[in-house]
Structures are given as structure tokens and as C-alpha cells.
Protein backbone atom coordinates (compact mmCIF):
# COMPACT_ATOMS: atom_id res chain seq x y z
CA MET A 1 -0.15 -0.03 0.01
CA ALA A 2 2.84 2.33 0.98
CA GLY A 3 4.77 3.42 -2.22
CA ARG A 4 6.52 5.95 -4.03
CA ALA A 5 4.33 6.28 -6.96
CA PRO A 6 2.29 9.44 -7.60
CA ALA A 7 -1.14 9.71 -6.38
CA GLY A 8 -4.05 11.05 -8.38
CA GLY A 9 -6.83 13.55 -7.43
CA GLY A 10 -6.29 16.87 -6.26
CA VAL A 11 -2.50 16.80 -5.73
CA ASP A 12 -0.34 19.90 -7.09
CA PRO A 13 1.50 18.80 -10.11
CA GLU A 14 4.17 21.38 -9.34
CA THR A 15 5.06 19.65 -5.97
CA ARG A 16 8.66 18.55 -5.65
CA ILE A 17 8.78 14.83 -4.14
CA CYS A 18 11.88 14.02 -1.37
CA VAL A 19 13.61 10.94 -3.32
CA GLY A 20 16.23 10.51 -0.90
CA ARG A 21 18.54 12.08 1.78
CA VAL A 22 22.31 12.29 2.25
CA LYS A 23 23.23 10.30 5.28
CA GLY A 24 26.95 11.71 5.33
CA ALA A 25 30.29 11.04 3.85
CA HIS A 26 31.64 7.78 2.52
CA GLY A 27 35.40 7.57 2.40
CA VAL A 28 37.74 10.52 2.05
CA ARG A 29 37.35 11.41 -1.60
CA GLY A 30 33.96 13.44 -1.48
CA GLN A 31 31.62 10.19 -1.89
CA LEU A 32 28.16 10.64 -0.37
CA ARG A 33 26.06 8.06 1.37
CA ILE A 34 22.55 8.75 0.62
CA THR A 35 19.29 6.80 1.97
CA PRO A 36 16.95 6.59 -0.92
CA PHE A 37 13.31 6.94 -0.92
CA THR A 38 12.45 5.44 -4.15
CA GLU A 39 10.97 1.96 -4.87
CA ARG A 40 14.18 1.05 -6.54
CA PRO A 41 17.33 2.64 -4.93
CA GLY A 42 19.22 3.54 -7.83
CA ASP A 43 16.43 5.44 -8.86
CA VAL A 44 17.41 8.22 -6.63
CA ALA A 45 19.40 9.55 -9.62
CA ALA A 46 16.92 8.35 -12.41
CA TYR A 47 14.90 11.49 -12.91
CA GLY A 48 17.34 14.26 -13.84
CA PRO A 49 19.25 16.65 -11.26
CA VAL A 50 17.96 16.54 -7.54
CA SER A 51 17.41 19.98 -5.82
CA ASP A 52 17.68 20.96 -1.99
CA ALA A 53 14.13 21.63 0.01
CA ASP A 54 13.62 25.23 -1.14
CA GLY A 55 14.66 24.42 -5.10
CA LYS A 56 17.50 26.79 -5.09
CA ARG A 57 20.52 24.40 -5.39
CA GLN A 58 20.73 21.60 -7.97
CA TYR A 59 22.77 18.57 -7.69
CA GLU A 60 23.60 16.09 -10.31
CA LEU A 61 23.98 12.60 -8.70
CA LYS A 62 26.34 10.46 -10.27
CA ILE A 63 25.94 6.88 -8.57
CA GLU A 64 29.02 4.80 -8.17
CA ARG A 65 27.45 1.76 -6.12
CA MET A 66 24.83 0.69 -3.86
CA THR A 67 24.97 -0.90 -0.43
CA LYS A 68 22.49 -3.00 1.36
CA THR A 69 20.90 0.25 2.56
CA HIS A 70 22.42 2.99 0.63
CA VAL A 71 23.37 4.49 -2.67
CA ILE A 72 27.23 5.75 -3.10
CA ALA A 73 27.26 8.50 -5.19
CA ARG A 74 29.25 11.73 -6.33
CA ILE A 75 28.25 15.28 -6.93
CA ASP A 76 30.68 17.43 -9.23
CA GLY A 77 32.66 19.79 -6.70
CA ILE A 78 32.35 17.55 -3.76
CA ASP A 79 35.91 16.31 -3.62
CA ASP A 80 36.72 15.61 -0.06
CA ARG A 81 35.31 14.23 3.20
CA ASP A 82 34.83 17.62 4.72
CA ALA A 83 32.94 18.87 1.53
CA ALA A 84 30.54 15.56 1.82
CA GLU A 85 29.87 16.04 5.35
CA ALA A 86 28.75 19.37 5.06
CA LEU A 87 25.89 17.71 2.81
CA ARG A 88 24.86 15.55 5.81
CA GLY A 89 21.04 15.74 6.16
CA LEU A 90 20.17 17.42 3.03
CA ARG A 91 17.15 16.25 1.52
CA LEU A 92 17.05 15.55 -2.24
CA PHE A 93 13.73 16.40 -4.32
CA VAL A 94 12.73 16.20 -8.13
CA PRO A 95 9.76 17.68 -9.57
CA ARG A 96 6.60 15.48 -9.50
CA ALA A 97 6.68 15.68 -13.23
CA ALA A 98 9.48 13.99 -13.74
CA LEU A 99 8.05 10.74 -11.99
CA PRO A 100 6.45 7.89 -13.51
CA PRO A 101 2.76 7.74 -13.78
CA ALA A 102 0.83 6.48 -10.48
CA ASP A 103 -0.21 2.96 -9.97
CA ASP A 104 -3.45 2.23 -8.15
CA ASP A 105 -3.22 2.37 -4.21
CA GLU A 106 -0.02 3.79 -4.17
CA PHE A 107 0.94 7.21 -2.92
CA TYR A 108 3.81 9.55 -2.20
CA CYS A 109 4.66 10.14 1.34
CA GLU A 110 4.06 14.04 0.85
CA ASP A 111 0.76 13.42 -0.44
CA LEU A 112 -0.47 11.93 2.80
CA VAL A 113 0.93 14.57 5.07
CA GLY A 114 -1.60 16.95 6.18
CA LEU A 115 -4.62 14.72 5.47
CA SER A 116 -7.34 14.42 8.23
CA ALA A 117 -7.07 11.20 10.16
CA GLU A 118 -10.25 9.53 11.70
CA THR A 119 -11.22 6.10 13.08
CA VAL A 120 -13.42 3.73 11.09
CA ASP A 121 -16.05 4.94 13.60
CA GLY A 122 -15.55 8.56 12.90
CA GLN A 123 -13.57 9.54 16.08
CA ALA A 124 -11.11 12.46 15.03
CA LEU A 125 -7.34 11.69 15.39
CA GLY A 126 -5.90 14.82 14.17
CA HIS A 127 -3.85 14.98 10.97
CA VAL A 128 -0.98 12.93 9.22
CA LEU A 129 2.14 14.75 10.44
CA SER A 130 4.59 12.72 8.89
CA VAL A 131 5.30 9.11 7.11
CA GLN A 132 8.45 7.60 8.66
CA ASP A 133 10.13 4.14 8.49
CA PHE A 134 12.19 3.17 11.29
CA GLY A 135 13.13 -0.27 9.65
CA ALA A 136 9.97 -2.14 10.00
CA GLY A 137 7.86 -0.51 7.31
CA ASP A 138 6.02 2.80 6.82
CA VAL A 139 4.21 4.10 9.91
CA LEU A 140 2.15 7.30 9.98
CA GLU A 141 2.60 10.07 12.61
CA LEU A 142 -0.93 10.95 13.63
CA GLY A 143 -2.30 13.86 16.05
CA GLU A 144 -1.51 17.83 15.75
CA ALA A 145 1.35 19.74 15.81
CA ARG A 146 2.82 20.95 19.23
CA ALA A 147 0.26 17.85 20.87
CA ARG A 148 0.80 14.38 21.79
CA THR A 149 1.13 12.19 18.63
CA PHE A 150 1.34 8.57 18.05
CA PHE A 151 2.26 6.34 15.20
CA ALA A 152 0.20 3.96 13.28
CA PRO A 153 1.44 1.36 10.81
CA PHE A 154 0.93 1.94 7.41
CA ASN A 155 -0.67 -1.05 5.94
CA ARG A 156 -4.10 -1.98 4.51
CA ASP A 157 -5.35 -3.75 7.84
CA VAL A 158 -4.84 -0.56 10.05
CA VAL A 159 -5.38 2.03 7.38
CA PRO A 160 -8.24 0.53 5.14
CA LEU A 161 -8.80 3.83 3.31
CA VAL A 162 -6.79 6.63 1.84
CA ASP A 163 -9.08 9.07 0.28
CA LEU A 164 -6.84 11.91 -1.27
CA ALA A 165 -10.16 13.67 -2.71
CA ALA A 166 -11.55 13.76 0.23
CA GLY A 167 -8.42 14.63 2.00
CA ARG A 168 -8.49 12.02 4.81
CA VAL A 169 -7.34 8.59 5.96
CA VAL A 170 -9.50 6.27 7.90
CA ILE A 171 -7.53 4.12 10.55
CA ASP A 172 -8.66 0.86 12.01
CA PRO A 173 -6.55 0.93 15.29
CA PRO A 174 -5.36 -2.20 16.69
CA ALA A 175 -5.96 -3.11 20.27
CA GLY A 176 -4.25 -0.85 22.38
CA LEU A 177 -3.04 1.64 19.85
CA LEU A 178 -5.33 4.55 21.10
CA ASP A 179 -4.98 3.40 24.88
CA GLU A 180 -3.34 6.23 27.22
CA ASP A 181 -0.26 4.19 27.48
CA GLY A 182 -0.35 2.91 23.79
CA GLY A 183 -0.81 5.78 21.69
CA ALA A 184 -3.39 8.72 21.44
CA SER A 185 -6.39 9.29 23.60
């Protein structure tokens, strides 16, 4: 269900999509370790130049190899470890228009952020604040900014409905998710 292909209806086509993040330097010659957010890791560089969050700086990634969890790449002008480390944390974006057409039931994480969240019986849970992957699959961070938040697994059992056109997700919380000790209340 969670994917990286574009979603339909009501989504601004000018949106830029984050395809990866610079994890840090690799070696001493300016190589970068990049955590890819694309379905196929090598696609982090497949859609043309990437840019920073505000779109002011563009980078041409040259993939050198892949590890189990990262892409090792170069950017022209980044020739030593210090220059590579200075880019640590940089999120890499491409225009939505550069990406392939959407498959059914796949979404960009950015499309989910801001949607209202409610339970199957209509209890308001706030909004989707972020989509995270801590290693065991995608989870939705739900709640309100500057308030108590909680995480819900982003799978078909827990999130049976994503309705982008209506701006909402429906959550069927597993036992304990909404308890005082287990999550939102």
C-alpha cells in the first residue's frame, strides 16, 4: 500500500517529491552515502538533477555503487570528506512531473501529510504529520502539531482507506493503539 508512485486527484502537479537524503560522507574523496526513498534505490538519480528543499541548489548525482541500505554517489565539486559531510542531512527533491505515472493504491509520502485522520467509527485523530520508516515498514505519525502524537502502521489492515480527494485517511486501530499508554487518547 505504501509506495512511491504518484497519487491522483487533487494533488498539485508542481509539487516536488523527496527521493532521498544524504546520510553522510563515504570515504575521504567526497563520496556521499544517500538513503534512497525510491522504490528501486538506484532511481534516486534517475529523474534528472535533484535539488535542495527550497529548490535553489541543484545537484547531478552520479551513482557509483549501492550497499545494502545506501547508494554511494558523487556530486561534481564535492571532492573531499569535509565537503561531503557538509551535505549531511540534505534532502534531495525532484519535480513530481519527472516521475512515472501512478499505479493504483500507491502514494507519495508527501501526499499523505496534512490529511485528516479518523477512526472507522468517525473519531477524529488529528492529521497525518509525517510518514516514517524506522526499519519495520512505513508508519503514519498522527495527531496535531505541538501536541501528543502517535504512530500507526501504514498497511491495509490499519489504514483501510486513503481518500486523497476528500483529504482523509481512515484508521482501524489495533488493540491498544489508542490507549493512554499505547498512543493517542
